Amino acid sequence: MADTTVVLAPLHPVVDLDAVMAVYRRAADYLALESGLTPDAAARAFFDDRPPASAGEPLKFGVGGEAGPLAAIGDLAFGYPEPGDAYLGLLLLVPEARGRGLGQAIVGEVQKLAGARGASRLLVGVLDANQRARIFWERQGFRLTRTSGPHDFGHRRHVVHRLELSLAGALGTCA
């Protein structure tokens, strides 16, 4: 499944709001864990959230599923927390798309994009309560660099683990 081809399609806050809301509805398990927000509020927050020191607009992206609707959404910022970094603030797959190689394929595309934009490392934040996600990221080669919190996420509070993956040399032939 690792050779699954994916396209990170940019999402627009007006045109794609309903599609993002549908992802949050289908991924209600994550939404309940992460923030406790309604799908409507979570979708609006998805488009509004920005890292505090990001260099430019983050890429809010979606990946289609086999049946057409979005199977995943993501939020990738450049220049945060350091100028040479890329930060994946969210990668959310609907339950029926999990465990099929789609997440790994998306991470591969994110790595290529971040490398092409000059990032030397890719970072993610993982909620302490989301152990499945931490296992996934560690399988992708990410390593724990920092733990902080608790932080507020909607109606929930979480300790967050920051994991990073060095991109230096990993994408030598991709330009």
N, C-alpha and C. Protein backbone atom coordinates (compact mmCIF):
# COMPACT_ATOMS: atom_id res chain seq x y z
N MET A 1 0.81 -1.22 0.00
CA MET A 1 0.00 0.00 0.00
C MET A 1 0.84 1.27 0.00
N ALA A 2 2.12 1.18 0.33
CA ALA A 2 2.97 2.36 0.42
C ALA A 2 3.08 3.08 -0.92
N ASP A 3 2.81 2.40 -2.04
CA ASP A 3 2.92 3.06 -3.33
C ASP A 3 1.58 3.65 -3.79
N THR A 4 0.66 3.88 -2.85
CA THR A 4 -0.59 4.57 -3.13
C THR A 4 -0.27 5.99 -3.59
N THR A 5 -0.83 6.39 -4.73
CA THR A 5 -0.61 7.74 -5.24
C THR A 5 -1.67 8.66 -4.66
N VAL A 6 -1.23 9.79 -4.12
CA VAL A 6 -2.16 10.75 -3.56
C VAL A 6 -1.83 12.14 -4.09
N VAL A 7 -2.85 12.98 -4.10
CA VAL A 7 -2.69 14.37 -4.47
C VAL A 7 -3.18 15.21 -3.29
N LEU A 8 -2.32 16.13 -2.85
CA LEU A 8 -2.68 17.04 -1.77
C LEU A 8 -3.38 18.24 -2.41
N ALA A 9 -4.70 18.18 -2.48
CA ALA A 9 -5.48 19.23 -3.14
C ALA A 9 -5.75 20.37 -2.16
N PRO A 10 -5.38 21.61 -2.54
CA PRO A 10 -5.65 22.75 -1.66
C PRO A 10 -7.15 22.89 -1.40
N LEU A 11 -7.49 23.24 -0.17
CA LEU A 11 -8.88 23.43 0.22
C LEU A 11 -9.14 24.91 0.45
N HIS A 12 -10.33 25.35 0.07
CA HIS A 12 -10.74 26.75 0.21
C HIS A 12 -11.79 26.85 1.31
N PRO A 13 -11.68 27.85 2.20
CA PRO A 13 -12.59 27.93 3.35
C PRO A 13 -14.07 28.12 3.00
N VAL A 14 -14.38 28.63 1.82
CA VAL A 14 -15.78 28.79 1.44
C VAL A 14 -16.23 27.59 0.61
N VAL A 15 -15.49 27.30 -0.42
CA VAL A 15 -15.87 26.25 -1.37
C VAL A 15 -15.86 24.87 -0.71
N ASP A 16 -14.89 24.61 0.17
CA ASP A 16 -14.70 23.26 0.71
C ASP A 16 -15.15 23.09 2.16
N LEU A 17 -15.80 24.08 2.74
CA LEU A 17 -16.22 23.99 4.14
C LEU A 17 -17.11 22.78 4.40
N ASP A 18 -18.09 22.53 3.55
CA ASP A 18 -19.00 21.39 3.75
C ASP A 18 -18.26 20.06 3.67
N ALA A 19 -17.30 19.96 2.75
CA ALA A 19 -16.53 18.71 2.62
C ALA A 19 -15.67 18.46 3.85
N VAL A 20 -15.09 19.52 4.40
CA VAL A 20 -14.28 19.37 5.62
C VAL A 20 -15.19 19.01 6.80
N MET A 21 -16.37 19.64 6.88
CA MET A 21 -17.33 19.28 7.93
C MET A 21 -17.69 17.81 7.84
N ALA A 22 -17.86 17.30 6.63
CA ALA A 22 -18.20 15.89 6.44
C ALA A 22 -17.08 14.98 6.95
N VAL A 23 -15.83 15.38 6.74
CA VAL A 23 -14.71 14.59 7.28
C VAL A 23 -14.79 14.55 8.80
N TYR A 24 -15.02 15.69 9.42
CA TYR A 24 -15.12 15.73 10.88
C TYR A 24 -16.32 14.91 11.38
N ARG A 25 -17.42 14.92 10.65
CA ARG A 25 -18.57 14.09 11.04
C ARG A 25 -18.20 12.62 11.01
N ARG A 26 -17.51 12.20 9.93
CA ARG A 26 -17.12 10.79 9.77
C ARG A 26 -16.03 10.40 10.75
N ALA A 27 -15.20 11.36 11.16
CA ALA A 27 -14.11 11.09 12.11
C ALA A 27 -14.50 11.60 13.50
N ALA A 28 -15.74 11.32 13.89
CA ALA A 28 -16.25 11.80 15.17
C ALA A 28 -15.44 11.26 16.35
N ASP A 29 -14.83 10.09 16.19
CA ASP A 29 -14.01 9.53 17.26
C ASP A 29 -12.84 10.45 17.58
N TYR A 30 -12.17 10.96 16.55
CA TYR A 30 -11.05 11.87 16.77
C TYR A 30 -11.55 13.20 17.32
N LEU A 31 -12.60 13.71 16.76
CA LEU A 31 -13.13 15.01 17.19
C LEU A 31 -13.51 14.97 18.67
N ALA A 32 -14.14 13.89 19.13
CA ALA A 32 -14.49 13.75 20.54
C ALA A 32 -13.24 13.71 21.42
N LEU A 33 -12.22 13.02 20.97
CA LEU A 33 -10.97 12.93 21.72
C LEU A 33 -10.24 14.28 21.75
N GLU A 34 -10.08 14.90 20.57
CA GLU A 34 -9.23 16.08 20.44
C GLU A 34 -9.83 17.34 21.06
N SER A 35 -11.06 17.70 20.70
CA SER A 35 -11.57 19.00 21.13
C SER A 35 -12.98 18.98 21.71
N GLY A 36 -13.78 17.99 21.34
CA GLY A 36 -15.17 17.98 21.76
C GLY A 36 -16.03 18.99 21.02
N LEU A 37 -15.48 19.62 19.98
CA LEU A 37 -16.24 20.60 19.20
C LEU A 37 -17.22 19.89 18.26
N THR A 38 -18.19 20.64 17.77
CA THR A 38 -19.09 20.12 16.75
C THR A 38 -18.33 20.06 15.42
N PRO A 39 -18.77 19.24 14.47
CA PRO A 39 -18.10 19.22 13.16
C PRO A 39 -18.07 20.60 12.49
N ASP A 40 -19.13 21.38 12.66
CA ASP A 40 -19.19 22.72 12.07
C ASP A 40 -18.10 23.61 12.68
N ALA A 41 -18.02 23.64 14.01
CA ALA A 41 -17.01 24.47 14.70
C ALA A 41 -15.60 23.99 14.38
N ALA A 42 -15.40 22.68 14.32
CA ALA A 42 -14.07 22.13 14.02
C ALA A 42 -13.64 22.50 12.60
N ALA A 43 -14.56 22.44 11.65
CA ALA A 43 -14.23 22.78 10.25
C ALA A 43 -13.86 24.25 10.14
N ARG A 44 -14.58 25.11 10.82
CA ARG A 44 -14.24 26.54 10.79
C ARG A 44 -12.88 26.78 11.44
N ALA A 45 -12.62 26.11 12.55
CA ALA A 45 -11.33 26.24 13.23
C ALA A 45 -10.20 25.72 12.34
N PHE A 46 -10.45 24.64 11.60
CA PHE A 46 -9.46 24.09 10.68
C PHE A 46 -8.97 25.17 9.72
N PHE A 47 -9.90 25.92 9.16
CA PHE A 47 -9.52 26.96 8.20
C PHE A 47 -8.95 28.21 8.88
N ASP A 48 -9.35 28.48 10.11
CA ASP A 48 -8.90 29.69 10.81
C ASP A 48 -7.56 29.53 11.51
N ASP A 49 -7.24 28.33 11.98
CA ASP A 49 -6.02 28.12 12.77
C ASP A 49 -4.77 28.36 11.95
N ARG A 50 -3.83 29.07 12.57
CA ARG A 50 -2.54 29.36 11.97
C ARG A 50 -1.47 29.28 13.05
N PRO A 51 -0.28 28.77 12.72
CA PRO A 51 0.79 28.82 13.71
C PRO A 51 1.15 30.28 13.99
N PRO A 52 1.65 30.57 15.18
CA PRO A 52 1.90 31.96 15.55
C PRO A 52 2.97 32.66 14.71
N ALA A 53 3.95 31.94 14.19
CA ALA A 53 5.05 32.61 13.49
C ALA A 53 5.25 32.07 12.08
N SER A 54 4.20 31.55 11.47
CA SER A 54 4.34 30.91 10.17
C SER A 54 4.74 31.90 9.09
N ALA A 55 5.63 31.47 8.23
CA ALA A 55 6.05 32.28 7.08
C ALA A 55 5.08 32.01 5.94
N GLY A 56 4.06 32.81 5.84
CA GLY A 56 3.08 32.63 4.78
C GLY A 56 1.89 31.81 5.22
N GLU A 57 0.97 31.65 4.30
CA GLU A 57 -0.26 30.91 4.56
C GLU A 57 0.02 29.41 4.64
N PRO A 58 -0.58 28.74 5.61
CA PRO A 58 -0.44 27.28 5.63
C PRO A 58 -1.23 26.65 4.49
N LEU A 59 -0.84 25.46 4.10
CA LEU A 59 -1.57 24.70 3.10
C LEU A 59 -2.61 23.84 3.81
N LYS A 60 -3.87 24.16 3.58
CA LYS A 60 -4.97 23.33 4.06
C LYS A 60 -5.29 22.42 2.88
N PHE A 61 -5.12 21.10 3.07
CA PHE A 61 -5.29 20.21 1.93
C PHE A 61 -6.25 19.06 2.23
N GLY A 62 -6.75 18.49 1.15
CA GLY A 62 -7.60 17.33 1.24
C GLY A 62 -7.11 16.27 0.29
N VAL A 63 -7.44 15.02 0.62
CA VAL A 63 -7.12 13.89 -0.24
C VAL A 63 -8.42 13.13 -0.45
N GLY A 64 -8.74 12.90 -1.73
CA GLY A 64 -9.98 12.20 -2.06
C GLY A 64 -9.93 10.74 -1.72
N GLY A 65 -11.10 10.17 -1.56
CA GLY A 65 -11.21 8.74 -1.30
C GLY A 65 -11.57 7.99 -2.55
N GLU A 66 -11.67 6.68 -2.45
CA GLU A 66 -12.02 5.85 -3.60
C GLU A 66 -13.40 6.18 -4.13
N ALA A 67 -14.32 6.57 -3.23
CA ALA A 67 -15.69 6.85 -3.65
C ALA A 67 -15.92 8.32 -3.98
N GLY A 68 -14.90 9.15 -3.91
CA GLY A 68 -15.08 10.54 -4.30
C GLY A 68 -14.93 11.56 -3.19
N PRO A 69 -15.66 11.44 -2.05
CA PRO A 69 -15.55 12.47 -1.02
C PRO A 69 -14.16 12.43 -0.37
N LEU A 70 -13.85 13.48 0.36
CA LEU A 70 -12.57 13.53 1.04
C LEU A 70 -12.40 12.37 2.00
N ALA A 71 -11.23 11.75 1.95
CA ALA A 71 -10.89 10.68 2.89
C ALA A 71 -9.93 11.18 3.95
N ALA A 72 -9.32 12.35 3.71
CA ALA A 72 -8.36 12.91 4.66
C ALA A 72 -8.25 14.41 4.47
N ILE A 73 -7.91 15.09 5.55
CA ILE A 73 -7.59 16.51 5.50
C ILE A 73 -6.29 16.73 6.25
N GLY A 74 -5.61 17.81 5.89
CA GLY A 74 -4.35 18.13 6.57
C GLY A 74 -4.08 19.61 6.56
N ASP A 75 -3.15 19.99 7.41
CA ASP A 75 -2.77 21.38 7.60
C ASP A 75 -1.26 21.45 7.71
N LEU A 76 -0.60 22.02 6.71
CA LEU A 76 0.86 22.07 6.65
C LEU A 76 1.31 23.51 6.61
N ALA A 77 2.13 23.90 7.61
CA ALA A 77 2.67 25.26 7.68
C ALA A 77 4.16 25.22 7.40
N PHE A 78 4.66 26.28 6.82
CA PHE A 78 6.08 26.40 6.52
C PHE A 78 6.67 27.54 7.34
N GLY A 79 7.91 27.36 7.80
CA GLY A 79 8.56 28.39 8.59
C GLY A 79 8.17 28.41 10.04
N TYR A 80 7.65 27.29 10.54
CA TYR A 80 7.25 27.19 11.94
C TYR A 80 7.70 25.86 12.50
N PRO A 81 8.27 25.78 13.68
CA PRO A 81 8.57 26.88 14.58
C PRO A 81 9.83 27.67 14.21
N GLU A 82 10.67 27.12 13.36
CA GLU A 82 11.88 27.81 12.88
C GLU A 82 11.75 28.06 11.38
N PRO A 83 12.50 29.01 10.85
CA PRO A 83 12.37 29.34 9.41
C PRO A 83 12.56 28.14 8.47
N GLY A 84 13.39 27.17 8.80
CA GLY A 84 13.62 26.03 7.92
C GLY A 84 12.75 24.83 8.20
N ASP A 85 11.66 25.02 8.93
CA ASP A 85 10.81 23.90 9.33
C ASP A 85 9.51 23.86 8.53
N ALA A 86 8.93 22.68 8.49
CA ALA A 86 7.55 22.48 8.04
C ALA A 86 6.83 21.79 9.20
N TYR A 87 5.60 22.20 9.47
CA TYR A 87 4.87 21.68 10.62
C TYR A 87 3.51 21.17 10.15
N LEU A 88 3.30 19.89 10.32
CA LEU A 88 2.02 19.28 9.96
C LEU A 88 1.12 19.35 11.19
N GLY A 89 0.25 20.36 11.20
CA GLY A 89 -0.59 20.62 12.36
C GLY A 89 -1.74 19.64 12.49
N LEU A 90 -2.13 19.00 11.39
CA LEU A 90 -3.21 18.02 11.43
C LEU A 90 -3.09 17.11 10.22
N LEU A 91 -3.27 15.85 10.47
CA LEU A 91 -3.51 14.87 9.40
C LEU A 91 -4.61 13.97 9.95
N LEU A 92 -5.80 14.10 9.38
CA LEU A 92 -6.97 13.38 9.86
C LEU A 92 -7.56 12.54 8.73
N LEU A 93 -7.61 11.24 8.95
CA LEU A 93 -8.22 10.32 8.01
C LEU A 93 -9.56 9.85 8.56
N VAL A 94 -10.54 9.68 7.68
CA VAL A 94 -11.81 9.11 8.11
C VAL A 94 -11.57 7.65 8.50
N PRO A 95 -12.35 7.11 9.41
CA PRO A 95 -12.08 5.76 9.92
C PRO A 95 -11.93 4.68 8.84
N GLU A 96 -12.75 4.72 7.80
CA GLU A 96 -12.69 3.67 6.78
C GLU A 96 -11.44 3.75 5.91
N ALA A 97 -10.70 4.86 5.99
CA ALA A 97 -9.46 5.02 5.22
C ALA A 97 -8.22 4.68 6.04
N ARG A 98 -8.39 4.47 7.33
CA ARG A 98 -7.25 4.19 8.20
C ARG A 98 -6.76 2.76 8.03
N GLY A 99 -5.46 2.57 8.20
CA GLY A 99 -4.88 1.23 8.15
C GLY A 99 -4.76 0.64 6.76
N ARG A 100 -4.86 1.48 5.73
CA ARG A 100 -4.81 1.00 4.34
C ARG A 100 -3.65 1.58 3.54
N GLY A 101 -2.73 2.27 4.23
CA GLY A 101 -1.58 2.85 3.55
C GLY A 101 -1.76 4.28 3.10
N LEU A 102 -2.98 4.83 3.23
CA LEU A 102 -3.21 6.20 2.78
C LEU A 102 -2.42 7.20 3.61
N GLY A 103 -2.41 7.04 4.92
CA GLY A 103 -1.66 7.96 5.79
C GLY A 103 -0.19 7.98 5.43
N GLN A 104 0.39 6.82 5.22
CA GLN A 104 1.80 6.73 4.85
C GLN A 104 2.05 7.41 3.51
N ALA A 105 1.15 7.22 2.56
CA ALA A 105 1.30 7.86 1.25
C ALA A 105 1.21 9.39 1.38
N ILE A 106 0.29 9.86 2.21
CA ILE A 106 0.16 11.31 2.41
C ILE A 106 1.43 11.86 3.04
N VAL A 107 1.96 11.17 4.05
CA VAL A 107 3.19 11.63 4.69
C VAL A 107 4.33 11.70 3.67
N GLY A 108 4.40 10.73 2.76
CA GLY A 108 5.42 10.77 1.72
C GLY A 108 5.28 12.00 0.84
N GLU A 109 4.06 12.36 0.47
CA GLU A 109 3.83 13.56 -0.35
C GLU A 109 4.15 14.83 0.44
N VAL A 110 3.79 14.84 1.71
CA VAL A 110 4.11 15.99 2.57
C VAL A 110 5.62 16.17 2.67
N GLN A 111 6.34 15.06 2.82
CA GLN A 111 7.81 15.14 2.88
C GLN A 111 8.37 15.73 1.59
N LYS A 112 7.88 15.27 0.46
CA LYS A 112 8.35 15.79 -0.83
C LYS A 112 8.07 17.29 -0.95
N LEU A 113 6.87 17.69 -0.59
CA LEU A 113 6.49 19.10 -0.68
C LEU A 113 7.34 19.94 0.26
N ALA A 114 7.51 19.49 1.50
CA ALA A 114 8.31 20.24 2.47
C ALA A 114 9.75 20.35 2.01
N GLY A 115 10.31 19.27 1.48
CA GLY A 115 11.67 19.30 0.96
C GLY A 115 11.81 20.25 -0.21
N ALA A 116 10.82 20.24 -1.10
CA ALA A 116 10.85 21.14 -2.26
C ALA A 116 10.76 22.60 -1.84
N ARG A 117 10.12 22.85 -0.70
CA ARG A 117 10.00 24.22 -0.18
C ARG A 117 11.20 24.60 0.69
N GLY A 118 12.21 23.72 0.77
CA GLY A 118 13.43 24.03 1.49
C GLY A 118 13.45 23.68 2.96
N ALA A 119 12.44 22.97 3.44
CA ALA A 119 12.42 22.59 4.86
C ALA A 119 13.49 21.53 5.13
N SER A 120 14.15 21.66 6.27
CA SER A 120 15.15 20.68 6.67
C SER A 120 14.60 19.66 7.65
N ARG A 121 13.43 19.98 8.23
CA ARG A 121 12.78 19.00 9.10
C ARG A 121 11.27 19.19 9.05
N LEU A 122 10.58 18.09 9.31
CA LEU A 122 9.12 18.06 9.37
C LEU A 122 8.73 17.72 10.78
N LEU A 123 7.83 18.51 11.36
CA LEU A 123 7.40 18.30 12.73
C LEU A 123 5.90 18.02 12.79
N VAL A 124 5.51 17.26 13.81
CA VAL A 124 4.10 17.00 14.09
C VAL A 124 3.90 17.09 15.60
N GLY A 125 2.70 17.42 16.00
CA GLY A 125 2.31 17.39 17.40
C GLY A 125 1.31 16.26 17.59
N VAL A 126 1.55 15.43 18.60
CA VAL A 126 0.67 14.29 18.84
C VAL A 126 0.12 14.39 20.26
N LEU A 127 -1.18 14.28 20.40
CA LEU A 127 -1.81 14.31 21.72
C LEU A 127 -1.40 13.08 22.51
N ASP A 128 -1.09 13.27 23.78
CA ASP A 128 -0.72 12.16 24.64
C ASP A 128 -1.82 11.09 24.66
N ALA A 129 -3.07 11.52 24.57
CA ALA A 129 -4.19 10.59 24.61
C ALA A 129 -4.36 9.80 23.32
N ASN A 130 -3.62 10.15 22.27
CA ASN A 130 -3.77 9.50 20.97
C ASN A 130 -2.57 8.60 20.70
N GLN A 131 -2.50 7.50 21.41
CA GLN A 131 -1.35 6.59 21.30
C GLN A 131 -1.25 5.94 19.92
N ARG A 132 -2.38 5.66 19.28
CA ARG A 132 -2.32 5.08 17.91
C ARG A 132 -1.62 6.03 16.96
N ALA A 133 -1.88 7.32 17.10
CA ALA A 133 -1.22 8.30 16.23
C ALA A 133 0.28 8.33 16.51
N ARG A 134 0.65 8.28 17.77
CA ARG A 134 2.08 8.33 18.08
C ARG A 134 2.80 7.11 17.48
N ILE A 135 2.20 5.95 17.58
CA ILE A 135 2.79 4.74 16.98
C ILE A 135 2.93 4.92 15.47
N PHE A 136 1.89 5.47 14.82
CA PHE A 136 1.95 5.72 13.38
C PHE A 136 3.13 6.61 13.04
N TRP A 137 3.26 7.74 13.72
CA TRP A 137 4.32 8.69 13.40
C TRP A 137 5.70 8.09 13.65
N GLU A 138 5.84 7.35 14.71
CA GLU A 138 7.14 6.73 14.98
C GLU A 138 7.47 5.69 13.91
N ARG A 139 6.48 5.01 13.39
CA ARG A 139 6.71 4.07 12.28
C ARG A 139 7.16 4.79 11.01
N GLN A 140 6.81 6.06 10.88
CA GLN A 140 7.22 6.85 9.72
C GLN A 140 8.62 7.42 9.89
N GLY A 141 9.23 7.18 11.05
CA GLY A 141 10.59 7.64 11.30
C GLY A 141 10.70 8.88 12.18
N PHE A 142 9.58 9.39 12.65
CA PHE A 142 9.59 10.57 13.52
C PHE A 142 10.08 10.18 14.91
N ARG A 143 10.76 11.12 15.57
CA ARG A 143 11.30 10.90 16.91
C ARG A 143 10.86 12.02 17.84
N LEU A 144 10.58 11.66 19.09
CA LEU A 144 10.16 12.61 20.11
C LEU A 144 11.27 13.62 20.38
N THR A 145 10.91 14.91 20.36
CA THR A 145 11.88 15.96 20.68
C THR A 145 11.44 16.82 21.85
N ARG A 146 10.13 16.82 22.17
CA ARG A 146 9.65 17.72 23.21
C ARG A 146 8.26 17.31 23.65
N THR A 147 7.96 17.53 24.92
CA THR A 147 6.62 17.34 25.46
C THR A 147 6.22 18.63 26.16
N SER A 148 4.99 19.08 25.94
CA SER A 148 4.53 20.32 26.56
C SER A 148 3.06 20.23 26.93
N GLY A 149 2.63 21.18 27.73
CA GLY A 149 1.23 21.26 28.10
C GLY A 149 1.00 20.99 29.57
N PRO A 150 -0.26 20.92 29.89
CA PRO A 150 -1.40 20.76 28.99
C PRO A 150 -1.79 22.06 28.27
N HIS A 151 -2.36 21.85 27.07
CA HIS A 151 -2.85 22.94 26.22
C HIS A 151 -4.35 22.74 25.98
N ASP A 152 -5.05 23.85 25.77
CA ASP A 152 -6.48 23.79 25.49
C ASP A 152 -6.73 23.53 24.01
N PHE A 153 -7.63 22.59 23.74
CA PHE A 153 -8.11 22.26 22.40
C PHE A 153 -9.62 22.24 22.48
N GLY A 154 -10.26 23.33 22.12
CA GLY A 154 -11.72 23.39 22.24
C GLY A 154 -12.13 23.18 23.69
N HIS A 155 -12.87 22.09 23.95
CA HIS A 155 -13.36 21.79 25.29
C HIS A 155 -12.46 20.79 26.03
N ARG A 156 -11.30 20.48 25.48
CA ARG A 156 -10.40 19.48 26.07
C ARG A 156 -9.04 20.10 26.37
N ARG A 157 -8.29 19.43 27.26
CA ARG A 157 -6.91 19.81 27.58
C ARG A 157 -6.03 18.60 27.31
N HIS A 158 -4.87 18.86 26.68
CA HIS A 158 -3.98 17.76 26.32
C HIS A 158 -2.52 18.11 26.53
N VAL A 159 -1.76 17.10 26.90
CA VAL A 159 -0.31 17.14 26.82
C VAL A 159 0.02 16.79 25.36
N VAL A 160 0.98 17.52 24.78
CA VAL A 160 1.32 17.34 23.37
C VAL A 160 2.79 16.93 23.26
N HIS A 161 3.02 15.91 22.46
CA HIS A 161 4.37 15.46 22.17
C HIS A 161 4.73 15.97 20.77
N ARG A 162 5.87 16.67 20.69
CA ARG A 162 6.35 17.11 19.37
C ARG A 162 7.33 16.06 18.87
N LEU A 163 7.08 15.59 17.65
CA LEU A 163 7.96 14.63 16.99
C LEU A 163 8.51 15.27 15.74
N GLU A 164 9.72 14.88 15.36
CA GLU A 164 10.30 15.45 14.15
C GLU A 164 10.97 14.39 13.31
N LEU A 165 11.06 14.73 12.03
CA LEU A 165 11.73 13.90 11.04
C LEU A 165 12.68 14.79 10.27
N SER A 166 13.95 14.42 10.22
CA SER A 166 14.92 15.18 9.45
C SER A 166 14.67 14.93 7.97
N LEU A 167 14.64 16.02 7.21
CA LEU A 167 14.48 15.90 5.75
C LEU A 167 15.81 16.07 5.03
N ALA A 168 16.84 16.44 5.74
CA ALA A 168 18.15 16.65 5.13
C ALA A 168 18.66 15.34 4.54
N GLY A 169 18.88 15.35 3.25
CA GLY A 169 19.41 14.17 2.56
C GLY A 169 18.37 13.12 2.25
N ALA A 170 17.21 13.15 2.90
CA ALA A 170 16.21 12.12 2.69
C ALA A 170 15.56 12.23 1.31
N LEU A 171 15.62 13.42 0.73
CA LEU A 171 14.94 13.64 -0.54
C LEU A 171 15.93 14.07 -1.61
N GLY A 172 17.14 13.59 -1.52
CA GLY A 172 18.21 14.04 -2.39
C GLY A 172 17.88 14.10 -3.87
N THR A 173 17.06 13.20 -4.39
CA THR A 173 16.77 13.20 -5.82
C THR A 173 15.49 13.94 -6.16
N CYS A 174 14.74 14.37 -5.16
CA CYS A 174 13.49 15.09 -5.42
C CYS A 174 13.79 16.58 -5.46
N ALA A 175 13.37 17.23 -6.51
CA ALA A 175 13.58 18.67 -6.59
C ALA A 175 12.36 19.35 -7.14
